[in-house]
Amino acid sequence: FRVRPVPPPIATINKKEGGGISKSMMLASNGIRAELRNFDFKGVRYKIIGFTLTTVFEGDQVTERSRGPKFTQAMRKIIKNTSPGTQITISDLKARRTDAEGLKSKNLPPAVFKIIK
């Protein structure tokens, strides 16, 4: 049999790792998912356990923290009221495997999204 290392998860919103995204698509996703790309074993899963959203809102830089995979009410308000061209950075991402206990959480690289409409 083969032994393959589990690749690091990738933070996504509606299967996008970053780049242009509409406000409606971002809000419909309701949060961040951790996906394993190009990995054959379906039983291995990760769940986002926390992240930080940073953007410019009403002329000021704002930072909001979530202790789970979902956007908070404050985050949803910020996303809903941002204008096209605004960048939203998702950072301080932490994910934990759901299929095994006792493993440390993993830090994921940040993702930058640009609101397109």
N, C-alpha and C. Protein backbone atom coordinates (compact mmCIF):
# COMPACT_ATOMS: atom_id res chain seq x y z
N PHE A 1 0.84 -1.18 0.00
CA PHE A 1 0.00 0.00 0.00
C PHE A 1 0.88 1.24 0.00
N ARG A 2 0.28 2.37 -0.30
CA ARG A 2 1.01 3.63 -0.39
C ARG A 2 0.76 4.49 0.84
N VAL A 3 1.77 5.24 1.20
CA VAL A 3 1.64 6.22 2.27
C VAL A 3 1.85 7.59 1.65
N ARG A 4 0.88 8.43 1.80
CA ARG A 4 0.98 9.79 1.26
C ARG A 4 0.76 10.78 2.38
N PRO A 5 1.57 11.82 2.43
CA PRO A 5 1.33 12.85 3.45
C PRO A 5 0.06 13.63 3.12
N VAL A 6 -0.62 14.07 4.16
CA VAL A 6 -1.81 14.89 3.96
C VAL A 6 -1.34 16.30 3.62
N PRO A 7 -1.78 16.84 2.47
CA PRO A 7 -1.35 18.19 2.11
C PRO A 7 -1.99 19.23 3.03
N PRO A 8 -1.40 20.41 3.11
CA PRO A 8 -2.03 21.45 3.93
C PRO A 8 -3.34 21.89 3.29
N PRO A 9 -4.34 22.19 4.10
CA PRO A 9 -5.60 22.66 3.54
C PRO A 9 -5.46 24.07 2.99
N ILE A 10 -6.40 24.41 2.11
CA ILE A 10 -6.44 25.73 1.48
C ILE A 10 -7.76 26.38 1.88
N ALA A 11 -7.68 27.63 2.34
CA ALA A 11 -8.89 28.37 2.72
C ALA A 11 -9.59 28.87 1.45
N THR A 12 -10.89 28.60 1.36
CA THR A 12 -11.64 29.02 0.18
C THR A 12 -12.98 29.64 0.58
N ILE A 13 -13.48 30.47 -0.32
CA ILE A 13 -14.85 30.98 -0.26
C ILE A 13 -15.46 30.62 -1.60
N ASN A 14 -16.50 29.82 -1.58
CA ASN A 14 -17.14 29.32 -2.81
C ASN A 14 -16.12 28.74 -3.78
N LYS A 15 -15.20 27.93 -3.27
CA LYS A 15 -14.17 27.23 -4.03
C LYS A 15 -13.11 28.16 -4.63
N LYS A 16 -13.10 29.43 -4.23
CA LYS A 16 -12.10 30.39 -4.70
C LYS A 16 -11.08 30.63 -3.60
N GLU A 17 -9.80 30.64 -4.00
CA GLU A 17 -8.71 30.86 -3.04
C GLU A 17 -8.37 32.33 -2.87
N GLY A 18 -8.98 33.17 -3.64
CA GLY A 18 -8.71 34.60 -3.61
C GLY A 18 -9.11 35.18 -4.94
N GLY A 19 -8.85 36.47 -5.14
CA GLY A 19 -9.18 37.13 -6.40
C GLY A 19 -10.54 37.78 -6.34
N GLY A 20 -11.09 38.04 -7.52
CA GLY A 20 -12.37 38.73 -7.62
C GLY A 20 -13.53 37.88 -7.17
N ILE A 21 -14.43 38.49 -6.41
CA ILE A 21 -15.62 37.80 -5.93
C ILE A 21 -16.72 38.84 -5.70
N SER A 22 -17.95 38.47 -5.99
CA SER A 22 -19.06 39.39 -5.75
C SER A 22 -19.48 39.34 -4.28
N LYS A 23 -20.09 40.44 -3.84
CA LYS A 23 -20.57 40.49 -2.46
C LYS A 23 -21.60 39.39 -2.22
N SER A 24 -22.50 39.20 -3.18
CA SER A 24 -23.55 38.20 -3.01
C SER A 24 -22.97 36.79 -2.90
N MET A 25 -21.93 36.49 -3.68
CA MET A 25 -21.30 35.18 -3.62
C MET A 25 -20.60 34.98 -2.27
N MET A 26 -19.95 36.04 -1.80
CA MET A 26 -19.24 35.97 -0.53
C MET A 26 -20.23 35.77 0.61
N LEU A 27 -21.32 36.51 0.61
CA LEU A 27 -22.32 36.40 1.67
C LEU A 27 -23.06 35.06 1.61
N ALA A 28 -23.30 34.55 0.40
CA ALA A 28 -24.00 33.27 0.25
C ALA A 28 -23.16 32.11 0.80
N SER A 29 -21.84 32.25 0.76
CA SER A 29 -20.98 31.18 1.27
C SER A 29 -21.07 31.08 2.79
N ASN A 30 -21.39 32.18 3.44
CA ASN A 30 -21.58 32.25 4.89
C ASN A 30 -20.30 32.04 5.69
N GLY A 31 -19.15 31.91 5.02
CA GLY A 31 -17.91 31.74 5.77
C GLY A 31 -16.80 31.13 4.94
N ILE A 32 -15.81 30.59 5.65
CA ILE A 32 -14.60 30.07 5.04
C ILE A 32 -14.59 28.54 5.17
N ARG A 33 -14.13 27.87 4.13
CA ARG A 33 -13.97 26.41 4.17
C ARG A 33 -12.51 26.06 3.99
N ALA A 34 -12.12 24.93 4.54
CA ALA A 34 -10.77 24.41 4.37
C ALA A 34 -10.86 23.20 3.45
N GLU A 35 -10.22 23.30 2.28
CA GLU A 35 -10.29 22.23 1.30
C GLU A 35 -8.93 21.59 1.09
N LEU A 36 -8.97 20.30 0.82
CA LEU A 36 -7.76 19.58 0.43
C LEU A 36 -7.82 19.38 -1.07
N ARG A 37 -6.85 19.91 -1.78
CA ARG A 37 -6.81 19.79 -3.24
C ARG A 37 -5.88 18.65 -3.64
N ASN A 38 -6.28 17.92 -4.66
CA ASN A 38 -5.47 16.83 -5.22
C ASN A 38 -5.09 15.79 -4.17
N PHE A 39 -6.06 15.39 -3.37
CA PHE A 39 -5.82 14.37 -2.35
C PHE A 39 -6.89 13.30 -2.52
N ASP A 40 -6.47 12.05 -2.64
CA ASP A 40 -7.37 10.96 -3.01
C ASP A 40 -8.27 10.44 -1.89
N PHE A 41 -7.88 10.59 -0.64
CA PHE A 41 -8.62 9.99 0.45
C PHE A 41 -9.69 10.95 0.95
N LYS A 42 -10.94 10.54 0.82
CA LYS A 42 -12.07 11.42 1.10
C LYS A 42 -12.39 11.56 2.59
N GLY A 43 -11.89 10.68 3.44
CA GLY A 43 -12.22 10.74 4.86
C GLY A 43 -11.49 11.81 5.64
N VAL A 44 -10.44 12.38 5.05
CA VAL A 44 -9.65 13.39 5.75
C VAL A 44 -10.27 14.76 5.49
N ARG A 45 -10.64 15.45 6.57
CA ARG A 45 -11.27 16.77 6.43
C ARG A 45 -10.69 17.73 7.46
N TYR A 46 -10.72 19.01 7.08
CA TYR A 46 -10.32 20.08 7.98
C TYR A 46 -11.49 21.03 8.13
N LYS A 47 -11.55 21.68 9.29
CA LYS A 47 -12.57 22.70 9.56
C LYS A 47 -11.86 23.95 10.06
N ILE A 48 -12.27 25.10 9.56
CA ILE A 48 -11.72 26.37 10.02
C ILE A 48 -12.19 26.60 11.46
N ILE A 49 -11.25 26.92 12.34
CA ILE A 49 -11.62 27.16 13.75
C ILE A 49 -11.46 28.63 14.14
N GLY A 50 -10.99 29.46 13.20
CA GLY A 50 -10.88 30.88 13.48
C GLY A 50 -10.17 31.62 12.36
N PHE A 51 -10.53 32.89 12.19
CA PHE A 51 -9.88 33.73 11.19
C PHE A 51 -10.15 35.19 11.50
N THR A 52 -9.41 36.05 10.83
CA THR A 52 -9.57 37.50 10.96
C THR A 52 -9.88 38.09 9.59
N LEU A 53 -10.85 38.98 9.53
CA LEU A 53 -11.20 39.70 8.31
C LEU A 53 -10.74 41.14 8.48
N THR A 54 -9.99 41.65 7.51
CA THR A 54 -9.50 43.03 7.54
C THR A 54 -9.82 43.71 6.22
N THR A 55 -10.34 44.93 6.28
CA THR A 55 -10.64 45.70 5.08
C THR A 55 -10.77 47.17 5.46
N VAL A 56 -10.99 48.00 4.46
CA VAL A 56 -11.29 49.41 4.69
C VAL A 56 -12.81 49.56 4.60
N PHE A 57 -13.40 50.08 5.67
CA PHE A 57 -14.85 50.23 5.75
C PHE A 57 -15.15 51.63 6.26
N GLU A 58 -15.92 52.38 5.48
CA GLU A 58 -16.29 53.75 5.81
C GLU A 58 -15.06 54.60 6.10
N GLY A 59 -14.00 54.41 5.31
CA GLY A 59 -12.79 55.23 5.42
C GLY A 59 -11.78 54.80 6.46
N ASP A 60 -12.09 53.80 7.25
CA ASP A 60 -11.18 53.32 8.29
C ASP A 60 -10.85 51.85 8.07
N GLN A 61 -9.66 51.46 8.46
CA GLN A 61 -9.32 50.05 8.43
C GLN A 61 -10.00 49.36 9.61
N VAL A 62 -10.72 48.28 9.32
CA VAL A 62 -11.41 47.53 10.36
C VAL A 62 -10.92 46.09 10.36
N THR A 63 -10.89 45.52 11.55
CA THR A 63 -10.49 44.13 11.72
C THR A 63 -11.52 43.45 12.62
N GLU A 64 -12.05 42.35 12.14
CA GLU A 64 -13.02 41.57 12.92
C GLU A 64 -12.52 40.14 13.02
N ARG A 65 -12.75 39.51 14.15
CA ARG A 65 -12.28 38.14 14.41
C ARG A 65 -13.47 37.20 14.55
N SER A 66 -13.34 36.02 13.95
CA SER A 66 -14.36 34.98 14.09
C SER A 66 -13.72 33.76 14.76
N ARG A 67 -14.45 33.15 15.65
CA ARG A 67 -13.97 31.93 16.34
C ARG A 67 -14.66 30.70 15.76
N GLY A 68 -14.65 30.61 14.48
CA GLY A 68 -15.26 29.49 13.78
C GLY A 68 -15.19 29.75 12.29
N PRO A 69 -15.85 28.93 11.48
CA PRO A 69 -15.77 29.08 10.03
C PRO A 69 -16.72 30.13 9.44
N LYS A 70 -17.70 30.58 10.22
CA LYS A 70 -18.73 31.48 9.68
C LYS A 70 -18.39 32.95 9.89
N PHE A 71 -18.92 33.77 8.98
CA PHE A 71 -18.80 35.22 9.13
C PHE A 71 -19.67 35.66 10.30
N THR A 72 -19.17 36.59 11.12
CA THR A 72 -19.97 37.15 12.20
C THR A 72 -20.95 38.16 11.62
N GLN A 73 -21.89 38.61 12.43
CA GLN A 73 -22.84 39.63 11.97
C GLN A 73 -22.11 40.90 11.56
N ALA A 74 -21.09 41.30 12.31
CA ALA A 74 -20.32 42.50 11.97
C ALA A 74 -19.62 42.31 10.62
N MET A 75 -19.07 41.13 10.39
CA MET A 75 -18.41 40.84 9.10
C MET A 75 -19.41 40.90 7.96
N ARG A 76 -20.59 40.33 8.16
CA ARG A 76 -21.62 40.35 7.11
C ARG A 76 -22.02 41.79 6.77
N LYS A 77 -22.14 42.64 7.78
CA LYS A 77 -22.48 44.05 7.56
C LYS A 77 -21.38 44.73 6.75
N ILE A 78 -20.13 44.47 7.12
CA ILE A 78 -19.00 45.08 6.40
C ILE A 78 -19.00 44.63 4.94
N ILE A 79 -19.13 43.33 4.71
CA ILE A 79 -19.11 42.81 3.34
C ILE A 79 -20.27 43.40 2.54
N LYS A 80 -21.45 43.44 3.13
CA LYS A 80 -22.65 43.93 2.45
C LYS A 80 -22.50 45.40 2.03
N ASN A 81 -21.78 46.19 2.82
CA ASN A 81 -21.69 47.62 2.56
C ASN A 81 -20.37 48.07 1.91
N THR A 82 -19.54 47.13 1.49
CA THR A 82 -18.30 47.53 0.81
C THR A 82 -18.59 47.89 -0.63
N SER A 83 -17.75 48.72 -1.18
CA SER A 83 -17.92 49.12 -2.57
C SER A 83 -17.03 48.28 -3.48
N PRO A 84 -17.40 48.19 -4.76
CA PRO A 84 -16.58 47.43 -5.70
C PRO A 84 -15.14 47.96 -5.72
N GLY A 85 -14.18 47.04 -5.83
CA GLY A 85 -12.77 47.40 -5.83
C GLY A 85 -12.12 47.29 -4.46
N THR A 86 -12.93 47.12 -3.42
CA THR A 86 -12.40 46.99 -2.06
C THR A 86 -11.75 45.62 -1.88
N GLN A 87 -10.60 45.60 -1.24
CA GLN A 87 -9.93 44.34 -0.94
C GLN A 87 -10.29 43.89 0.47
N ILE A 88 -10.57 42.61 0.60
CA ILE A 88 -10.85 42.00 1.90
C ILE A 88 -9.79 40.93 2.12
N THR A 89 -9.08 41.04 3.23
CA THR A 89 -8.03 40.08 3.56
C THR A 89 -8.52 39.17 4.67
N ILE A 90 -8.40 37.88 4.43
CA ILE A 90 -8.72 36.87 5.42
C ILE A 90 -7.38 36.32 5.91
N SER A 91 -7.08 36.54 7.19
CA SER A 91 -5.77 36.13 7.72
C SER A 91 -5.94 35.42 9.06
N ASP A 92 -4.83 35.08 9.68
CA ASP A 92 -4.83 34.36 10.96
C ASP A 92 -5.72 33.12 10.91
N LEU A 93 -5.72 32.47 9.75
CA LEU A 93 -6.55 31.29 9.54
C LEU A 93 -5.99 30.10 10.29
N LYS A 94 -6.86 29.42 11.02
CA LYS A 94 -6.48 28.20 11.73
C LYS A 94 -7.49 27.13 11.37
N ALA A 95 -6.98 25.92 11.09
CA ALA A 95 -7.84 24.80 10.74
C ALA A 95 -7.43 23.58 11.57
N ARG A 96 -8.40 22.72 11.84
CA ARG A 96 -8.15 21.50 12.61
C ARG A 96 -8.79 20.32 11.86
N ARG A 97 -8.10 19.20 11.89
CA ARG A 97 -8.65 17.99 11.28
C ARG A 97 -9.85 17.52 12.09
N THR A 98 -10.88 17.10 11.37
CA THR A 98 -12.10 16.64 12.03
C THR A 98 -12.13 15.12 12.17
N ASP A 99 -11.26 14.42 11.46
CA ASP A 99 -11.29 12.95 11.47
C ASP A 99 -10.30 12.33 12.46
N ALA A 100 -9.51 13.15 13.14
CA ALA A 100 -8.53 12.63 14.09
C ALA A 100 -8.46 13.56 15.29
N GLU A 101 -8.33 12.99 16.47
CA GLU A 101 -8.26 13.80 17.68
C GLU A 101 -6.81 13.96 18.13
N GLY A 102 -6.55 15.02 18.86
CA GLY A 102 -5.24 15.22 19.46
C GLY A 102 -4.21 15.86 18.55
N LEU A 103 -4.61 16.23 17.33
CA LEU A 103 -3.67 16.88 16.42
C LEU A 103 -3.74 18.39 16.61
N LYS A 104 -2.60 19.04 16.46
CA LYS A 104 -2.56 20.49 16.58
C LYS A 104 -3.26 21.14 15.40
N SER A 105 -3.76 22.35 15.62
CA SER A 105 -4.35 23.10 14.52
C SER A 105 -3.24 23.57 13.59
N LYS A 106 -3.62 23.80 12.34
CA LYS A 106 -2.67 24.27 11.33
C LYS A 106 -2.95 25.73 11.01
N ASN A 107 -1.88 26.49 10.82
CA ASN A 107 -2.01 27.86 10.35
C ASN A 107 -2.02 27.83 8.82
N LEU A 108 -2.97 28.53 8.23
CA LEU A 108 -3.08 28.57 6.78
C LEU A 108 -2.65 29.93 6.26
N PRO A 109 -2.18 29.99 5.02
CA PRO A 109 -1.80 31.29 4.46
C PRO A 109 -3.02 32.18 4.25
N PRO A 110 -2.81 33.49 4.28
CA PRO A 110 -3.94 34.41 4.10
C PRO A 110 -4.49 34.36 2.68
N ALA A 111 -5.73 34.82 2.54
CA ALA A 111 -6.39 34.91 1.24
C ALA A 111 -6.88 36.34 1.06
N VAL A 112 -6.69 36.88 -0.15
CA VAL A 112 -7.11 38.25 -0.44
C VAL A 112 -8.17 38.21 -1.53
N PHE A 113 -9.31 38.81 -1.25
CA PHE A 113 -10.42 38.86 -2.19
C PHE A 113 -10.69 40.32 -2.56
N LYS A 114 -11.09 40.53 -3.81
CA LYS A 114 -11.44 41.88 -4.28
C LYS A 114 -12.91 41.86 -4.69
N ILE A 115 -13.68 42.76 -4.08
CA ILE A 115 -15.11 42.83 -4.38
C ILE A 115 -15.29 43.37 -5.79
N ILE A 116 -16.00 42.60 -6.65
CA ILE A 116 -16.16 43.02 -8.03
C ILE A 116 -17.51 43.65 -8.32
N LYS A 117 -18.52 43.38 -7.51
CA LYS A 117 -19.82 44.05 -7.65
C LYS A 117 -20.69 43.79 -6.47
